[in-house]
Amino acid sequence: MSKGDIETYHEDGQWKNRPEGNQRASSTHGTKAEAEAAGRQTAVQRDAEHVIKKQDGTIGEKNTYPRSRDPREIEG
């Protein structure tokens, strides 16, 4: 992840978002869906990548905003 990219992850029974390089979460949420929506909005505002982790900590999904910044040429 590049500095400033947004990570959505599960910790201490809550879903959280934090920018890469920060030690603490910038927001906490009761559900994964709420955390994903907030993380996506932040990533769009920052023109950053949004990394969504599963509850076990593995990467489940990555999205780049804007799409033109994505280094891969495939859809999805």
Protein backbone atom coordinates (compact mmCIF):
# COMPACT_ATOMS: atom_id res chain seq x y z
CA MET A 1 0.00 0.00 0.00
CA SER A 2 1.14 3.52 -0.71
CA LYS A 3 1.18 6.14 1.99
CA GLY A 4 -2.31 7.56 2.31
CA ASP A 5 -4.13 4.48 0.97
CA ILE A 6 -7.10 3.44 3.12
CA GLU A 7 -7.30 0.12 4.94
CA THR A 8 -10.57 -1.36 6.26
CA TYR A 9 -9.94 -4.04 8.90
CA HIS A 10 -11.44 -5.83 11.93
CA GLU A 11 -9.99 -5.30 15.40
CA ASP A 12 -11.32 -5.61 18.94
CA GLY A 13 -14.83 -6.53 17.76
CA GLN A 14 -15.17 -3.46 15.52
CA TRP A 15 -14.56 -2.64 11.87
CA LYS A 16 -12.13 0.23 11.41
CA ASN A 17 -10.55 2.41 8.74
CA ARG A 18 -7.10 3.93 8.80
CA PRO A 19 -4.85 5.65 6.29
CA GLU A 20 -1.59 3.84 5.54
CA GLY A 21 1.13 5.04 7.89
CA ASN A 22 -1.24 5.87 10.77
CA GLN A 23 -1.07 3.85 13.96
CA ARG A 24 -4.67 4.49 15.01
CA ALA A 25 -7.96 4.13 13.20
CA SER A 26 -9.54 7.23 11.70
CA SER A 27 -13.06 5.77 12.10
CA THR A 28 -14.79 2.81 13.77
CA HIS A 29 -18.02 1.07 12.76
CA GLY A 30 -20.33 -1.65 14.01
CA THR A 31 -20.55 -3.50 10.69
CA LYS A 32 -18.20 -4.27 7.83
CA ALA A 33 -20.61 -2.67 5.34
CA GLU A 34 -20.56 0.65 7.23
CA ALA A 35 -16.75 0.59 7.42
CA GLU A 36 -16.43 -0.25 3.71
CA ALA A 37 -18.71 2.63 2.72
CA ALA A 38 -16.79 5.12 4.88
CA GLY A 39 -13.44 3.79 3.68
CA ARG A 40 -14.54 3.98 0.04
CA GLN A 41 -15.66 7.58 0.47
CA THR A 42 -12.31 8.52 2.04
CA ALA A 43 -10.36 6.73 -0.71
CA VAL A 44 -12.36 8.53 -3.41
CA GLN A 45 -11.70 11.89 -1.75
CA ARG A 46 -7.96 11.16 -1.51
CA ASP A 47 -7.58 9.49 -4.93
CA ALA A 48 -6.20 6.46 -3.10
CA GLU A 49 -6.42 2.68 -3.02
CA HIS A 50 -8.96 1.09 -0.67
CA VAL A 51 -7.82 -2.25 0.80
CA ILE A 52 -10.62 -4.22 2.46
CA LYS A 53 -9.48 -7.03 4.73
CA LYS A 54 -11.47 -10.04 5.88
CA GLN A 55 -12.09 -10.67 9.56
CA ASP A 56 -9.06 -13.01 9.64
CA GLY A 57 -6.80 -10.18 8.37
CA THR A 58 -6.25 -11.43 4.84
CA ILE A 59 -6.91 -9.09 1.92
CA GLY A 60 -10.37 -9.64 0.51
CA GLU A 61 -10.60 -6.81 -1.99
CA LYS A 62 -8.66 -3.85 -3.39
CA ASN A 63 -10.13 -0.90 -5.24
CA THR A 64 -8.24 2.01 -6.78
CA TYR A 65 -9.77 5.50 -7.10
CA PRO A 66 -9.93 6.94 -9.67
CA ARG A 67 -9.94 3.84 -11.89
CA SER A 68 -7.49 5.51 -14.30
CA ARG A 69 -4.85 5.27 -11.54
CA ASP A 70 -5.12 1.45 -11.44
CA PRO A 71 -1.95 -0.06 -12.93
CA ARG A 72 -3.80 -3.17 -14.14
CA GLU A 73 -5.59 -3.05 -17.47
CA ILE A 74 -8.26 -5.63 -16.62
CA GLU A 75 -11.76 -4.85 -15.42
CA GLY A 76 -12.73 -5.64 -11.84
